[in-house]
Amino acid sequence: MARPSVFSVEDKFRLVVSVISGEMSVAEAARRGKASEQSISNWKRLFLESGKQGLAEHGKPGPNARERQLLDEVEELKAALGEAHVELRVWKRSAEHRLGPTRTSR
């Protein structure tokens, strides 16, 4: 399990923006921020992938646009499947009521 970060989101953001804008190198940002070059590089990657929110969530970027679209589609399909299941149960009960119990329904 990863240990909690001692750096605030704002500190990470400030260092990453400094590197991206060319104000300082990764090595210089690491020295000034008292972090490792690896951390600065990871924060930069996370920021480029998912913006400031990626830095706030301890390196766990949220779903991208395509993943969000697929998750929405999954939820719609789950709802449709649930509705179809209920409808099928109603039809079966209606058929049993009209025709009486069958050998397989006992």
C-alpha atoms as a PDB file:
ATOM      1  CA  MET A   1       0.000   0.000   0.000  1.00  0.00           C
ATOM      2  CA  ALA A   2       1.367   3.435  -0.925  1.00  0.00           C
ATOM      3  CA  ARG A   3       2.150   5.809   1.880  1.00  0.00           C
ATOM      4  CA  PRO A   4       0.205   9.069   1.983  1.00  0.00           C
ATOM      5  CA  SER A   5       1.816  12.029   0.264  1.00  0.00           C
ATOM      6  CA  VAL A   6       3.347  14.759   2.393  1.00  0.00           C
ATOM      7  CA  PHE A   7       2.987  17.189  -0.508  1.00  0.00           C
ATOM      8  CA  SER A   8      -0.187  19.175  -0.957  1.00  0.00           C
ATOM      9  CA  VAL A   9      -1.937  19.221  -4.307  1.00  0.00           C
ATOM     10  CA  GLU A  10      -1.009  22.885  -4.634  1.00  0.00           C
ATOM     11  CA  ASP A  11       2.691  22.147  -4.048  1.00  0.00           C
ATOM     12  CA  LYS A  12       2.647  19.376  -6.647  1.00  0.00           C
ATOM     13  CA  PHE A  13       0.744  21.596  -9.067  1.00  0.00           C
ATOM     14  CA  ARG A  14       3.175  24.493  -8.630  1.00  0.00           C
ATOM     15  CA  LEU A  15       6.201  22.264  -9.242  1.00  0.00           C
ATOM     16  CA  VAL A  16       4.665  20.511 -12.247  1.00  0.00           C
ATOM     17  CA  VAL A  17       3.609  23.764 -13.886  1.00  0.00           C
ATOM     18  CA  SER A  18       7.113  25.138 -13.367  1.00  0.00           C
ATOM     19  CA  VAL A  19       8.577  22.120 -15.168  1.00  0.00           C
ATOM     20  CA  ILE A  20       6.013  22.145 -17.975  1.00  0.00           C
ATOM     21  CA  SER A  21       6.417  25.880 -18.578  1.00  0.00           C
ATOM     22  CA  GLY A  22      10.199  25.493 -18.770  1.00  0.00           C
ATOM     23  CA  GLU A  23      10.916  27.657 -15.724  1.00  0.00           C
ATOM     24  CA  MET A  24      12.958  24.829 -14.238  1.00  0.00           C
ATOM     25  CA  SER A  25      14.086  21.296 -15.006  1.00  0.00           C
ATOM     26  CA  VAL A  26      12.773  18.189 -13.283  1.00  0.00           C
ATOM     27  CA  ALA A  27      16.011  17.989 -11.295  1.00  0.00           C
ATOM     28  CA  GLU A  28      15.751  21.611 -10.173  1.00  0.00           C
ATOM     29  CA  ALA A  29      12.070  21.198  -9.227  1.00  0.00           C
ATOM     30  CA  ALA A  30      13.002  18.109  -7.206  1.00  0.00           C
ATOM     31  CA  ARG A  31      15.721  20.026  -5.328  1.00  0.00           C
ATOM     32  CA  ARG A  32      13.533  23.064  -4.656  1.00  0.00           C
ATOM     33  CA  GLY A  33      10.487  21.032  -3.686  1.00  0.00           C
ATOM     34  CA  LYS A  34      12.512  18.503  -1.669  1.00  0.00           C
ATOM     35  CA  ALA A  35      11.036  15.630  -3.660  1.00  0.00           C
ATOM     36  CA  SER A  36      12.596  12.965  -5.839  1.00  0.00           C
ATOM     37  CA  GLU A  37      12.967  13.414  -9.571  1.00  0.00           C
ATOM     38  CA  GLN A  38      10.846  10.275  -9.930  1.00  0.00           C
ATOM     39  CA  SER A  39       8.024  11.923  -7.955  1.00  0.00           C
ATOM     40  CA  ILE A  40       8.177  15.083 -10.050  1.00  0.00           C
ATOM     41  CA  SER A  41       8.093  12.999 -13.247  1.00  0.00           C
ATOM     42  CA  ASN A  42       5.151  10.932 -11.951  1.00  0.00           C
ATOM     43  CA  TRP A  43       3.255  14.081 -10.936  1.00  0.00           C
ATOM     44  CA  LYS A  44       3.920  15.595 -14.359  1.00  0.00           C
ATOM     45  CA  ARG A  45       2.633  12.442 -16.086  1.00  0.00           C
ATOM     46  CA  LEU A  46      -0.480  12.360 -13.879  1.00  0.00           C
ATOM     47  CA  PHE A  47      -1.130  16.034 -14.500  1.00  0.00           C
ATOM     48  CA  LEU A  48      -0.789  15.643 -18.263  1.00  0.00           C
ATOM     49  CA  GLU A  49      -3.132  12.625 -18.206  1.00  0.00           C
ATOM     50  CA  SER A  50      -5.857  14.006 -15.975  1.00  0.00           C
ATOM     51  CA  GLY A  51      -5.099  17.559 -14.910  1.00  0.00           C
ATOM     52  CA  LYS A  52      -5.066  18.826 -11.370  1.00  0.00           C
ATOM     53  CA  GLN A  53      -7.640  16.215 -10.313  1.00  0.00           C
ATOM     54  CA  GLY A  54      -5.089  13.444 -10.954  1.00  0.00           C
ATOM     55  CA  LEU A  55      -2.717  15.042  -8.460  1.00  0.00           C
ATOM     56  CA  ALA A  56      -5.470  15.320  -5.856  1.00  0.00           C
ATOM     57  CA  GLU A  57      -6.379  11.636  -5.988  1.00  0.00           C
ATOM     58  CA  HIS A  58      -2.921  10.302  -5.092  1.00  0.00           C
ATOM     59  CA  GLY A  59      -2.094   9.180  -8.598  1.00  0.00           C
ATOM     60  CA  LYS A  60      -5.388   7.490  -9.299  1.00  0.00           C
ATOM     61  CA  PRO A  61      -6.731   9.356 -12.305  1.00  0.00           C
ATOM     62  CA  GLY A  62     -10.434   8.990 -12.926  1.00  0.00           C
ATOM     63  CA  PRO A  63     -11.895   7.453 -16.029  1.00  0.00           C
ATOM     64  CA  ASN A  64     -11.159   9.186 -19.300  1.00  0.00           C
ATOM     65  CA  ALA A  65     -13.913  10.327 -21.663  1.00  0.00           C
ATOM     66  CA  ARG A  66     -14.165   6.945 -23.441  1.00  0.00           C
ATOM     67  CA  GLU A  67     -14.280   5.037 -20.141  1.00  0.00           C
ATOM     68  CA  ARG A  68     -17.005   7.366 -18.820  1.00  0.00           C
ATOM     69  CA  GLN A  69     -18.985   6.799 -22.021  1.00  0.00           C
ATOM     70  CA  LEU A  70     -18.660   3.021 -21.621  1.00  0.00           C
ATOM     71  CA  LEU A  71     -19.629   3.176 -17.936  1.00  0.00           C
ATOM     72  CA  ASP A  72     -22.737   5.177 -18.853  1.00  0.00           C
ATOM     73  CA  GLU A  73     -23.581   2.625 -21.534  1.00  0.00           C
ATOM     74  CA  VAL A  74     -23.165  -0.246 -19.043  1.00  0.00           C
ATOM     75  CA  GLU A  75     -25.583   1.472 -16.649  1.00  0.00           C
ATOM     76  CA  GLU A  76     -28.148   1.918 -19.448  1.00  0.00           C
ATOM     77  CA  LEU A  77     -27.809  -1.742 -20.431  1.00  0.00           C
ATOM     78  CA  LYS A  78     -28.206  -2.875 -16.807  1.00  0.00           C
ATOM     79  CA  ALA A  79     -31.406  -0.855 -16.524  1.00  0.00           C
ATOM     80  CA  ALA A  80     -32.737  -2.275 -19.808  1.00  0.00           C
ATOM     81  CA  LEU A  81     -31.908  -5.822 -18.704  1.00  0.00           C
ATOM     82  CA  GLY A  82     -33.684  -5.273 -15.384  1.00  0.00           C
ATOM     83  CA  GLU A  83     -36.773  -3.953 -17.150  1.00  0.00           C
ATOM     84  CA  ALA A  84     -36.774  -6.918 -19.559  1.00  0.00           C
ATOM     85  CA  HIS A  85     -36.449  -9.346 -16.642  1.00  0.00           C
ATOM     86  CA  VAL A  86     -39.428  -7.820 -14.846  1.00  0.00           C
ATOM     87  CA  GLU A  87     -41.472  -7.819 -18.053  1.00  0.00           C
ATOM     88  CA  LEU A  88     -40.651 -11.482 -18.671  1.00  0.00           C
ATOM     89  CA  ARG A  89     -41.737 -12.422 -15.129  1.00  0.00           C
ATOM     90  CA  VAL A  90     -45.024 -10.568 -15.614  1.00  0.00           C
ATOM     91  CA  TRP A  91     -45.654 -12.376 -18.906  1.00  0.00           C
ATOM     92  CA  LYS A  92     -44.875 -15.762 -17.351  1.00  0.00           C
ATOM     93  CA  ARG A  93     -47.206 -15.143 -14.421  1.00  0.00           C
ATOM     94  CA  SER A  94     -49.911 -13.913 -16.772  1.00  0.00           C
ATOM     95  CA  ALA A  95     -49.568 -17.049 -18.914  1.00  0.00           C
ATOM     96  CA  GLU A  96     -49.675 -19.315 -15.850  1.00  0.00           C
ATOM     97  CA  HIS A  97     -52.759 -17.543 -14.569  1.00  0.00           C
ATOM     98  CA  ARG A  98     -54.585 -17.923 -17.890  1.00  0.00           C
ATOM     99  CA  LEU A  99     -53.407 -21.460 -18.705  1.00  0.00           C
ATOM    100  CA  GLY A 100     -52.953 -22.915 -15.245  1.00  0.00           C
ATOM    101  CA  PRO A 101     -49.776 -24.348 -13.863  1.00  0.00           C
ATOM    102  CA  THR A 102     -47.587 -26.356 -16.245  1.00  0.00           C
ATOM    103  CA  ARG A 103     -45.537 -29.431 -15.416  1.00  0.00           C
ATOM    104  CA  THR A 104     -42.322 -27.401 -15.295  1.00  0.00           C
ATOM    105  CA  SER A 105     -43.714 -24.625 -13.072  1.00  0.00           C
ATOM    106  CA  ARG A 106     -44.698 -26.926 -10.179  1.00  0.00           C
END
